[in-house]
C-alpha cells in the first residue's frame, strides 16, 4: 500500500527517488535490486508494496521518484507533536490539557476509535463522550481495550471474573445505546498472579491522530494528577498503532468481552 511509504525514513526516500529517476531501479525491481539501489534491506517490504501500488496506478520510474520527493517534503512539513499535561498549572508552560485533548478527539471521530486504558472509574462519566459520539454516528466503529483486574482473594474462575465484569460494564458502566466492541487481556486473570496486564493508555482516531498518555480514564488522571502525553497527527504512526492492536486481537492475545 502507498501508505506504507510514509513510514520510510527521509534519507531512504531520497535514495529511492534518485534510483528511480536515474533508472538504477527499473520496472523489474526486487528485494535484491532494491537493496543494491538504496544500500539497505530495511523497510524493503513497505517500499516494494508502495512501489507496486504506484506502478498499478501508472506511476513508475522518474514519475515515481518525483512523487516520493513530494511525499518526503509533505511529511517533513507535517504538524509537530503536541505535548499534553495533566496537573497543576505552571506559568510559562505551553501544553494542552489531557481532558481537553481526550474530549476533542472523541467528539471529532468520524470513522473509527481505538481506545485503550488500564483503569477507569465512574464508567458513565468516563465513557460519556465516546458513547455520545458513537450513538450520533452510525458509521463509526469503536474498539475499546480494557484491563480486567481480579480482586485480591478472589478465587473465581477466569470465566466467572469476566462474566461479572461484562455484566457490570454493559449494565452500569456503558452509558450509550450503541455498544463498542470491547477486548481484554486474559493474562491478568491468572489465579497465581498476572503474567501481564493491558497497561497501554492510548487513543487512535480515524487512523489519522494518536494520543499516547500516562493518564487512565479517571477524573484524577484527567484533571489533578501529574500526567504526561503526546498528541501526534500522523497517519503512518496511527496506522501502526491501530495495526498492532488489531494484530493482538487477530492472534487471540486480546479477547472480546461477551455481552451480558
C-alpha atoms as a PDB file:
ATOM      1  CA  UNK A   1       0.000   0.000   0.000  1.00  0.00           C
ATOM      2  CA  UNK A   2       1.129   3.552  -0.723  1.00  0.00           C
ATOM      3  CA  UNK A   3       0.516   4.475   2.926  1.00  0.00           C
ATOM      4  CA  UNK A   4       3.369   2.166   3.914  1.00  0.00           C
ATOM      5  CA  UNK A   5       5.845   4.502   2.211  1.00  0.00           C
ATOM      6  CA  UNK A   6       5.094   7.171   4.814  1.00  0.00           C
ATOM      7  CA  UNK A   7       6.876   5.034   7.408  1.00  0.00           C
ATOM      8  CA  UNK A   8      10.116   5.033   5.401  1.00  0.00           C
ATOM      9  CA  UNK A   9      12.756   7.487   6.753  1.00  0.00           C
ATOM     10  CA  UNK A  10      13.526  10.598   4.735  1.00  0.00           C
ATOM     11  CA  UNK A  11      17.082   9.625   3.776  1.00  0.00           C
ATOM     12  CA  UNK A  12      15.878   6.322   2.309  1.00  0.00           C
ATOM     13  CA  UNK A  13      13.069   8.023   0.389  1.00  0.00           C
ATOM     14  CA  UNK A  14      15.653  10.368  -1.133  1.00  0.00           C
ATOM     15  CA  UNK A  15      17.922   7.449  -2.157  1.00  0.00           C
ATOM     16  CA  UNK A  16      14.936   5.616  -3.586  1.00  0.00           C
ATOM     17  CA  UNK A  17      13.809   8.687  -5.535  1.00  0.00           C
ATOM     18  CA  UNK A  18      17.303   9.106  -7.012  1.00  0.00           C
ATOM     19  CA  UNK A  19      17.458   5.422  -8.012  1.00  0.00           C
ATOM     20  CA  UNK A  20      14.107   5.708  -9.803  1.00  0.00           C
ATOM     21  CA  UNK A  21      14.934   8.998 -11.514  1.00  0.00           C
ATOM     22  CA  UNK A  22      18.304   7.758 -12.841  1.00  0.00           C
ATOM     23  CA  UNK A  23      16.991   4.371 -13.936  1.00  0.00           C
ATOM     24  CA  UNK A  24      19.126   2.493 -11.416  1.00  0.00           C
ATOM     25  CA  UNK A  25      15.881   0.944 -10.215  1.00  0.00           C
ATOM     26  CA  UNK A  26      13.656  -0.059 -13.124  1.00  0.00           C
ATOM     27  CA  UNK A  27      10.300  -1.756 -13.526  1.00  0.00           C
ATOM     28  CA  UNK A  28      11.694  -5.158 -12.574  1.00  0.00           C
ATOM     29  CA  UNK A  29      12.567  -4.166  -9.037  1.00  0.00           C
ATOM     30  CA  UNK A  30      13.017  -6.853  -6.423  1.00  0.00           C
ATOM     31  CA  UNK A  31      14.250  -7.046  -2.843  1.00  0.00           C
ATOM     32  CA  UNK A  32      17.785  -7.642  -4.133  1.00  0.00           C
ATOM     33  CA  UNK A  33      17.797  -4.795  -6.643  1.00  0.00           C
ATOM     34  CA  UNK A  34      16.203  -2.529  -4.046  1.00  0.00           C
ATOM     35  CA  UNK A  35      18.913  -3.302  -1.511  1.00  0.00           C
ATOM     36  CA  UNK A  36      21.593  -2.617  -4.107  1.00  0.00           C
ATOM     37  CA  UNK A  37      19.972   0.699  -5.065  1.00  0.00           C
ATOM     38  CA  UNK A  38      19.438   2.175  -1.597  1.00  0.00           C
ATOM     39  CA  UNK A  39      22.105   0.294   0.363  1.00  0.00           C
ATOM     40  CA  UNK A  40      19.889  -1.479   2.900  1.00  0.00           C
ATOM     41  CA  UNK A  41      17.191  -4.128   3.224  1.00  0.00           C
ATOM     42  CA  UNK A  42      15.352  -2.147   5.882  1.00  0.00           C
ATOM     43  CA  UNK A  43      11.760  -1.229   5.004  1.00  0.00           C
ATOM     44  CA  UNK A  44      12.010  -3.337   1.858  1.00  0.00           C
ATOM     45  CA  UNK A  45       8.521  -4.830   2.299  1.00  0.00           C
ATOM     46  CA  UNK A  46       6.953  -1.382   2.733  1.00  0.00           C
ATOM     47  CA  UNK A  47       8.890   0.039  -0.213  1.00  0.00           C
ATOM     48  CA  UNK A  48       8.121  -2.836  -2.570  1.00  0.00           C
ATOM     49  CA  UNK A  49       4.443  -2.715  -1.626  1.00  0.00           C
ATOM     50  CA  UNK A  50       4.336   1.037  -2.148  1.00  0.00           C
ATOM     51  CA  UNK A  51       6.148   0.938  -5.485  1.00  0.00           C
ATOM     52  CA  UNK A  52       3.815  -1.808  -6.706  1.00  0.00           C
ATOM     53  CA  UNK A  53       0.819   0.323  -5.776  1.00  0.00           C
ATOM     54  CA  UNK A  54       2.280   3.312  -7.597  1.00  0.00           C
ATOM     55  CA  UNK A  55       3.034   1.187 -10.668  1.00  0.00           C
ATOM     56  CA  UNK A  56      -0.514  -0.166 -10.691  1.00  0.00           C
ATOM     57  CA  UNK A  57      -1.675   3.454 -10.881  1.00  0.00           C
ATOM     58  CA  UNK A  58       0.617   4.189 -13.806  1.00  0.00           C
ATOM     59  CA  UNK A  59       3.345   5.914 -11.778  1.00  0.00           C
ATOM     60  CA  UNK A  60       6.833   4.492 -12.223  1.00  0.00           C
ATOM     61  CA  UNK A  61      10.434   5.474 -12.986  1.00  0.00           C
ATOM     62  CA  UNK A  62      11.143   9.230 -12.770  1.00  0.00           C
ATOM     63  CA  UNK A  63       7.483   9.927 -12.060  1.00  0.00           C
ATOM     64  CA  UNK A  64       7.583   7.692  -9.005  1.00  0.00           C
ATOM     65  CA  UNK A  65      10.814   9.401  -7.929  1.00  0.00           C
ATOM     66  CA  UNK A  66       9.160  12.827  -8.143  1.00  0.00           C
ATOM     67  CA  UNK A  67       6.156  11.503  -6.214  1.00  0.00           C
ATOM     68  CA  UNK A  68       8.465  10.226  -3.453  1.00  0.00           C
ATOM     69  CA  UNK A  69      10.206  13.590  -3.168  1.00  0.00           C
ATOM     70  CA  UNK A  70       6.812  15.267  -2.826  1.00  0.00           C
ATOM     71  CA  UNK A  71       5.828  12.759  -0.161  1.00  0.00           C
ATOM     72  CA  UNK A  72       9.069  13.401   1.723  1.00  0.00           C
ATOM     73  CA  UNK A  73       8.565  17.171   1.603  1.00  0.00           C
ATOM     74  CA  UNK A  74       4.964  16.862   2.783  1.00  0.00           C
ATOM     75  CA  UNK A  75       5.980  14.582   5.641  1.00  0.00           C
ATOM     76  CA  UNK A  76       8.754  16.953   6.713  1.00  0.00           C
ATOM     77  CA  UNK A  77       6.291  19.847   6.884  1.00  0.00           C
ATOM     78  CA  UNK A  78       3.686  17.886   8.836  1.00  0.00           C
ATOM     79  CA  UNK A  79       2.441  19.226  12.140  1.00  0.00           C
ATOM     80  CA  UNK A  80       4.764  18.569  15.054  1.00  0.00           C
ATOM     81  CA  UNK A  81       3.613  16.546  18.072  1.00  0.00           C
ATOM     82  CA  UNK A  82       1.800  18.391  20.871  1.00  0.00           C
ATOM     83  CA  UNK A  83       2.835  17.922  24.496  1.00  0.00           C
ATOM     84  CA  UNK A  84      -0.171  17.150  26.715  1.00  0.00           C
ATOM     85  CA  UNK A  85      -0.174  17.529  30.505  1.00  0.00           C
ATOM     86  CA  UNK A  86      -2.452  16.991  33.470  1.00  0.00           C
ATOM     87  CA  UNK A  87      -1.851  18.552  36.853  1.00  0.00           C
ATOM     88  CA  UNK A  88      -1.188  21.941  38.438  1.00  0.00           C
ATOM     89  CA  UNK A  89      -0.889  24.935  36.143  1.00  0.00           C
ATOM     90  CA  UNK A  90       2.699  26.038  35.594  1.00  0.00           C
ATOM     91  CA  UNK A  91       3.195  29.609  34.337  1.00  0.00           C
ATOM     92  CA  UNK A  92       5.127  29.714  31.094  1.00  0.00           C
ATOM     93  CA  UNK A  93       4.452  26.057  30.234  1.00  0.00           C
ATOM     94  CA  UNK A  94       2.658  25.825  26.921  1.00  0.00           C
ATOM     95  CA  UNK A  95       0.952  22.452  26.682  1.00  0.00           C
ATOM     96  CA  UNK A  96      -2.529  21.138  26.045  1.00  0.00           C
ATOM     97  CA  UNK A  97      -4.576  19.668  28.880  1.00  0.00           C
ATOM     98  CA  UNK A  98      -5.327  15.941  28.958  1.00  0.00           C
ATOM     99  CA  UNK A  99      -9.087  16.233  29.426  1.00  0.00           C
ATOM    100  CA  UNK A 100      -9.430  18.740  26.597  1.00  0.00           C
ATOM    101  CA  UNK A 101      -7.490  16.519  24.225  1.00  0.00           C
ATOM    102  CA  UNK A 102      -9.497  13.409  25.122  1.00  0.00           C
ATOM    103  CA  UNK A 103     -12.821  15.187  24.718  1.00  0.00           C
ATOM    104  CA  UNK A 104     -11.831  16.925  21.491  1.00  0.00           C
ATOM    105  CA  UNK A 105     -10.601  13.705  19.884  1.00  0.00           C
ATOM    106  CA  UNK A 106     -13.534  11.545  20.928  1.00  0.00           C
ATOM    107  CA  UNK A 107     -16.035  14.182  19.783  1.00  0.00           C
ATOM    108  CA  UNK A 108     -14.389  14.568  16.377  1.00  0.00           C
ATOM    109  CA  UNK A 109     -14.223  10.880  15.362  1.00  0.00           C
ATOM    110  CA  UNK A 110     -15.989  10.077  12.109  1.00  0.00           C
ATOM    111  CA  UNK A 111     -14.924   6.546  11.156  1.00  0.00           C
ATOM    112  CA  UNK A 112     -13.081   4.772  13.943  1.00  0.00           C
ATOM    113  CA  UNK A 113     -11.931   4.984  17.536  1.00  0.00           C
ATOM    114  CA  UNK A 114      -9.362   2.760  19.191  1.00  0.00           C
ATOM    115  CA  UNK A 115      -9.205   3.487  22.917  1.00  0.00           C
ATOM    116  CA  UNK A 116      -7.081   1.628  25.450  1.00  0.00           C
ATOM    117  CA  UNK A 117      -6.953   2.225  29.199  1.00  0.00           C
ATOM    118  CA  UNK A 118      -5.686   0.325  32.203  1.00  0.00           C
ATOM    119  CA  UNK A 119      -8.240   1.701  34.669  1.00  0.00           C
ATOM    120  CA  UNK A 120     -11.458   3.717  34.717  1.00  0.00           C
ATOM    121  CA  UNK A 121     -13.784   4.874  37.469  1.00  0.00           C
ATOM    122  CA  UNK A 122     -17.379   6.067  37.150  1.00  0.00           C
ATOM    123  CA  UNK A 123     -17.983   4.409  33.785  1.00  0.00           C
ATOM    124  CA  UNK A 124     -20.961   6.547  32.712  1.00  0.00           C
ATOM    125  CA  UNK A 125     -18.868   9.690  33.144  1.00  0.00           C
ATOM    126  CA  UNK A 126     -15.640   8.215  31.762  1.00  0.00           C
ATOM    127  CA  UNK A 127     -17.320   6.933  28.579  1.00  0.00           C
ATOM    128  CA  UNK A 128     -19.934   9.669  28.176  1.00  0.00           C
ATOM    129  CA  UNK A 129     -18.438  11.480  25.194  1.00  0.00           C
ATOM    130  CA  UNK A 130     -17.336   8.282  23.463  1.00  0.00           C
ATOM    131  CA  UNK A 131     -20.862   6.836  23.810  1.00  0.00           C
ATOM    132  CA  UNK A 132     -22.490  10.067  22.632  1.00  0.00           C
ATOM    133  CA  UNK A 133     -20.288  10.172  19.531  1.00  0.00           C
ATOM    134  CA  UNK A 134     -20.990   6.506  18.763  1.00  0.00           C
ATOM    135  CA  UNK A 135     -24.757   6.970  19.108  1.00  0.00           C
ATOM    136  CA  UNK A 136     -24.703  10.019  16.830  1.00  0.00           C
ATOM    137  CA  UNK A 137     -22.671   8.386  14.059  1.00  0.00           C
ATOM    138  CA  UNK A 138     -23.960   5.065  12.629  1.00  0.00           C
ATOM    139  CA  UNK A 139     -20.798   4.684  10.523  1.00  0.00           C
ATOM    140  CA  UNK A 140     -18.444   4.919  13.480  1.00  0.00           C
ATOM    141  CA  UNK A 141     -16.564   1.841  14.735  1.00  0.00           C
ATOM    142  CA  UNK A 142     -15.382   1.901  18.356  1.00  0.00           C
ATOM    143  CA  UNK A 143     -12.937  -0.677  19.729  1.00  0.00           C
ATOM    144  CA  UNK A 144     -12.274  -0.360  23.441  1.00  0.00           C
ATOM    145  CA  UNK A 145      -9.379  -2.196  25.104  1.00  0.00           C
ATOM    146  CA  UNK A 146      -9.754  -2.656  28.870  1.00  0.00           C
ATOM    147  CA  UNK A 147      -7.890  -4.364  31.672  1.00  0.00           C
ATOM    148  CA  UNK A 148      -9.905  -6.724  33.888  1.00  0.00           C
ATOM    149  CA  UNK A 149      -8.437  -6.832  37.375  1.00  0.00           C
ATOM    150  CA  UNK A 150      -9.003  -9.830  39.631  1.00  0.00           C
ATOM    151  CA  UNK A 151      -9.764  -8.655  43.164  1.00  0.00           C
ATOM    152  CA  UNK A 152      -7.407  -9.764  45.894  1.00  0.00           C
ATOM    153  CA  UNK A 153      -8.568 -13.015  47.446  1.00  0.00           C
ATOM    154  CA  UNK A 154     -10.993 -13.788  44.598  1.00  0.00           C
ATOM    155  CA  UNK A 155     -10.638 -17.474  43.688  1.00  0.00           C
ATOM    156  CA  UNK A 156     -13.301 -17.453  40.976  1.00  0.00           C
ATOM    157  CA  UNK A 157     -12.502 -18.958  37.615  1.00  0.00           C
ATOM    158  CA  UNK A 158     -11.315 -16.534  34.911  1.00  0.00           C
ATOM    159  CA  UNK A 159     -14.602 -17.046  33.044  1.00  0.00           C
ATOM    160  CA  UNK A 160     -16.573 -16.041  36.133  1.00  0.00           C
ATOM    161  CA  UNK A 161     -14.466 -12.916  36.655  1.00  0.00           C
ATOM    162  CA  UNK A 162     -15.032 -11.937  33.027  1.00  0.00           C
ATOM    163  CA  UNK A 163     -18.774 -12.652  33.301  1.00  0.00           C
ATOM    164  CA  UNK A 164     -19.152 -10.374  36.332  1.00  0.00           C
ATOM    165  CA  UNK A 165     -17.096  -7.625  34.709  1.00  0.00           C
ATOM    166  CA  UNK A 166     -19.141  -7.835  31.495  1.00  0.00           C
ATOM    167  CA  UNK A 167     -22.455  -7.727  33.361  1.00  0.00           C
ATOM    168  CA  UNK A 168     -21.431  -4.619  35.276  1.00  0.00           C
ATOM    169  CA  UNK A 169     -19.847  -2.938  32.249  1.00  0.00           C
ATOM    170  CA  UNK A 170     -22.834  -3.342  29.929  1.00  0.00           C
ATOM    171  CA  UNK A 171     -25.496  -2.656  32.561  1.00  0.00           C
ATOM    172  CA  UNK A 172     -23.811   0.074  34.594  1.00  0.00           C
ATOM    173  CA  UNK A 173     -20.615   1.464  33.065  1.00  0.00           C
ATOM    174  CA  UNK A 174     -21.533   1.919  29.408  1.00  0.00           C
ATOM    175  CA  UNK A 175     -23.957   4.857  29.018  1.00  0.00           C
ATOM    176  CA  UNK A 176     -24.763   4.618  25.311  1.00  0.00           C
ATOM    177  CA  UNK A 177     -27.393   2.928  23.171  1.00  0.00           C
ATOM    178  CA  UNK A 178     -24.967   1.528  20.627  1.00  0.00           C
ATOM    179  CA  UNK A 179     -22.208  -0.656  22.002  1.00  0.00           C
ATOM    180  CA  UNK A 180     -18.486  -0.661  21.243  1.00  0.00           C
ATOM    181  CA  UNK A 181     -16.508  -3.814  20.670  1.00  0.00           C
ATOM    182  CA  UNK A 182     -14.566  -4.416  23.887  1.00  0.00           C
ATOM    183  CA  UNK A 183     -11.421  -6.520  24.268  1.00  0.00           C
ATOM    184  CA  UNK A 184      -9.402  -7.582  27.312  1.00  0.00           C
ATOM    185  CA  UNK A 185      -6.080  -9.281  28.077  1.00  0.00           C
ATOM    186  CA  UNK A 186      -6.811 -12.708  29.639  1.00  0.00           C
ATOM    187  CA  UNK A 187      -3.369 -12.919  31.258  1.00  0.00           C
ATOM    188  CA  UNK A 188      -4.466 -10.581  34.049  1.00  0.00           C
ATOM    189  CA  UNK A 189      -6.963 -13.199  35.261  1.00  0.00           C
ATOM    190  CA  UNK A 190      -4.499 -15.926  36.205  1.00  0.00           C
ATOM    191  CA  UNK A 191      -5.179 -17.045  39.807  1.00  0.00           C
ATOM    192  CA  UNK A 192      -1.471 -17.423  40.545  1.00  0.00           C
ATOM    193  CA  UNK A 193      -0.948 -13.770  39.687  1.00  0.00           C
ATOM    194  CA  UNK A 194      -0.982 -11.893  36.383  1.00  0.00           C
ATOM    195  CA  UNK A 195       1.630 -12.769  33.797  1.00  0.00           C
ATOM    196  CA  UNK A 196       0.849  -9.472  32.127  1.00  0.00           C
ATOM    197  CA  UNK A 197      -1.787  -6.749  32.034  1.00  0.00           C
ATOM    198  CA  UNK A 198      -3.211  -4.377  29.467  1.00  0.00           C
ATOM    199  CA  UNK A 199      -1.490  -1.197  30.632  1.00  0.00           C
ATOM    200  CA  UNK A 200      -1.496   0.918  27.456  1.00  0.00           C
ATOM    201  CA  UNK A 201      -3.237   4.278  27.579  1.00  0.00           C
ATOM    202  CA  UNK A 202      -3.853   5.478  24.042  1.00  0.00           C
ATOM    203  CA  UNK A 203      -6.485   6.712  21.610  1.00  0.00           C
ATOM    204  CA  UNK A 204      -6.361   6.450  17.802  1.00  0.00           C
ATOM    205  CA  UNK A 205      -8.928   8.486  15.864  1.00  0.00           C
ATOM    206  CA  UNK A 206      -9.843   7.733  12.235  1.00  0.00           C
ATOM    207  CA  UNK A 207      -6.366   6.211  11.689  1.00  0.00           C
ATOM    208  CA  UNK A 208      -5.099   9.795  11.487  1.00  0.00           C
ATOM    209  CA  UNK A 209      -4.424  11.029  15.026  1.00  0.00           C
ATOM    210  CA  UNK A 210      -2.908   9.225  18.021  1.00  0.00           C
ATOM    211  CA  UNK A 211      -2.834  10.316  21.646  1.00  0.00           C
ATOM    212  CA  UNK A 212      -0.497   8.371  23.935  1.00  0.00           C
ATOM    213  CA  UNK A 213      -0.585   9.282  27.613  1.00  0.00           C
ATOM    214  CA  UNK A 214       0.246   8.110  31.113  1.00  0.00           C
ATOM    215  CA  UNK A 215      -3.325   9.034  32.134  1.00  0.00           C
ATOM    216  CA  UNK A 216      -6.054   6.478  32.722  1.00  0.00           C
ATOM    217  CA  UNK A 217      -9.707   7.332  32.144  1.00  0.00           C
ATOM    218  CA  UNK A 218     -10.222   8.623  35.664  1.00  0.00           C
ATOM    219  CA  UNK A 219     -11.144  12.073  36.916  1.00  0.00           C
ATOM    220  CA  UNK A 220      -7.928  12.277  38.943  1.00  0.00           C
ATOM    221  CA  UNK A 221      -5.761  11.412  35.929  1.00  0.00           C
ATOM    222  CA  UNK A 222      -7.559  13.793  33.574  1.00  0.00           C
ATOM    223  CA  UNK A 223      -7.623  16.778  35.925  1.00  0.00           C
ATOM    224  CA  UNK A 224      -5.382  16.518  39.005  1.00  0.00           C
ATOM    225  CA  UNK A 225      -2.541  14.017  38.711  1.00  0.00           C
ATOM    226  CA  UNK A 226       0.696  14.998  37.009  1.00  0.00           C
ATOM    227  CA  UNK A 227       0.339  13.066  33.743  1.00  0.00           C
ATOM    228  CA  UNK A 228       2.286  13.400  30.506  1.00  0.00           C
ATOM    229  CA  UNK A 229       1.278  12.531  26.971  1.00  0.00           C
ATOM    230  CA  UNK A 230       1.912  13.312  23.320  1.00  0.00           C
ATOM    231  CA  UNK A 231      -0.561  14.013  20.514  1.00  0.00           C
ATOM    232  CA  UNK A 232       0.555  13.036  17.004  1.00  0.00           C
ATOM    233  CA  UNK A 233      -1.311  13.882  13.818  1.00  0.00           C
ATOM    234  CA  UNK A 234       0.470  11.302  11.697  1.00  0.00           C
ATOM    235  CA  UNK A 235      -1.403   8.770   9.579  1.00  0.00           C
ATOM    236  CA  UNK A 236       1.507   6.363   9.247  1.00  0.00           C
ATOM    237  CA  UNK A 237       2.069   6.297  13.015  1.00  0.00           C
ATOM    238  CA  UNK A 238      -1.659   5.943  13.692  1.00  0.00           C
ATOM    239  CA  UNK A 239      -1.946   3.029  11.276  1.00  0.00           C
ATOM    240  CA  UNK A 240       0.994   1.347  13.003  1.00  0.00           C
ATOM    241  CA  UNK A 241      -0.600   1.647  16.464  1.00  0.00           C
ATOM    242  CA  UNK A 242      -4.021   0.507  15.257  1.00  0.00           C
ATOM    243  CA  UNK A 243      -2.384  -2.338  13.338  1.00  0.00           C
ATOM    244  CA  UNK A 244      -0.582  -3.512  16.448  1.00  0.00           C
ATOM    245  CA  UNK A 245      -3.806  -3.601  18.443  1.00  0.00           C
ATOM    246  CA  UNK A 246      -5.546  -5.455  15.603  1.00  0.00           C
ATOM    247  CA  UNK A 247      -2.715  -7.985  15.420  1.00  0.00           C
ATOM    248  CA  UNK A 248      -3.102  -8.748  19.142  1.00  0.00           C
ATOM    249  CA  UNK A 249      -6.797  -9.364  18.522  1.00  0.00           C
ATOM    250  CA  UNK A 250      -6.198 -11.497  15.428  1.00  0.00           C
ATOM    251  CA  UNK A 251      -3.717 -13.673  17.337  1.00  0.00           C
ATOM    252  CA  UNK A 252      -6.167 -14.150  20.211  1.00  0.00           C
ATOM    253  CA  UNK A 253      -3.956 -12.295  22.679  1.00  0.00           C
ATOM    254  CA  UNK A 254      -6.778  -9.842  23.286  1.00  0.00           C
ATOM    255  CA  UNK A 255     -10.218 -11.417  23.591  1.00  0.00           C
ATOM    256  CA  UNK A 256     -13.697  -9.968  23.048  1.00  0.00           C
ATOM    257  CA  UNK A 257     -15.754  -9.144  26.111  1.00  0.00           C
ATOM    258  CA  UNK A 258     -19.056 -11.050  25.969  1.00  0.00           C
ATOM    259  CA  UNK A 259     -22.367  -9.229  26.225  1.00  0.00           C
ATOM    260  CA  UNK A 260     -24.256  -9.955  29.406  1.00  0.00           C
END
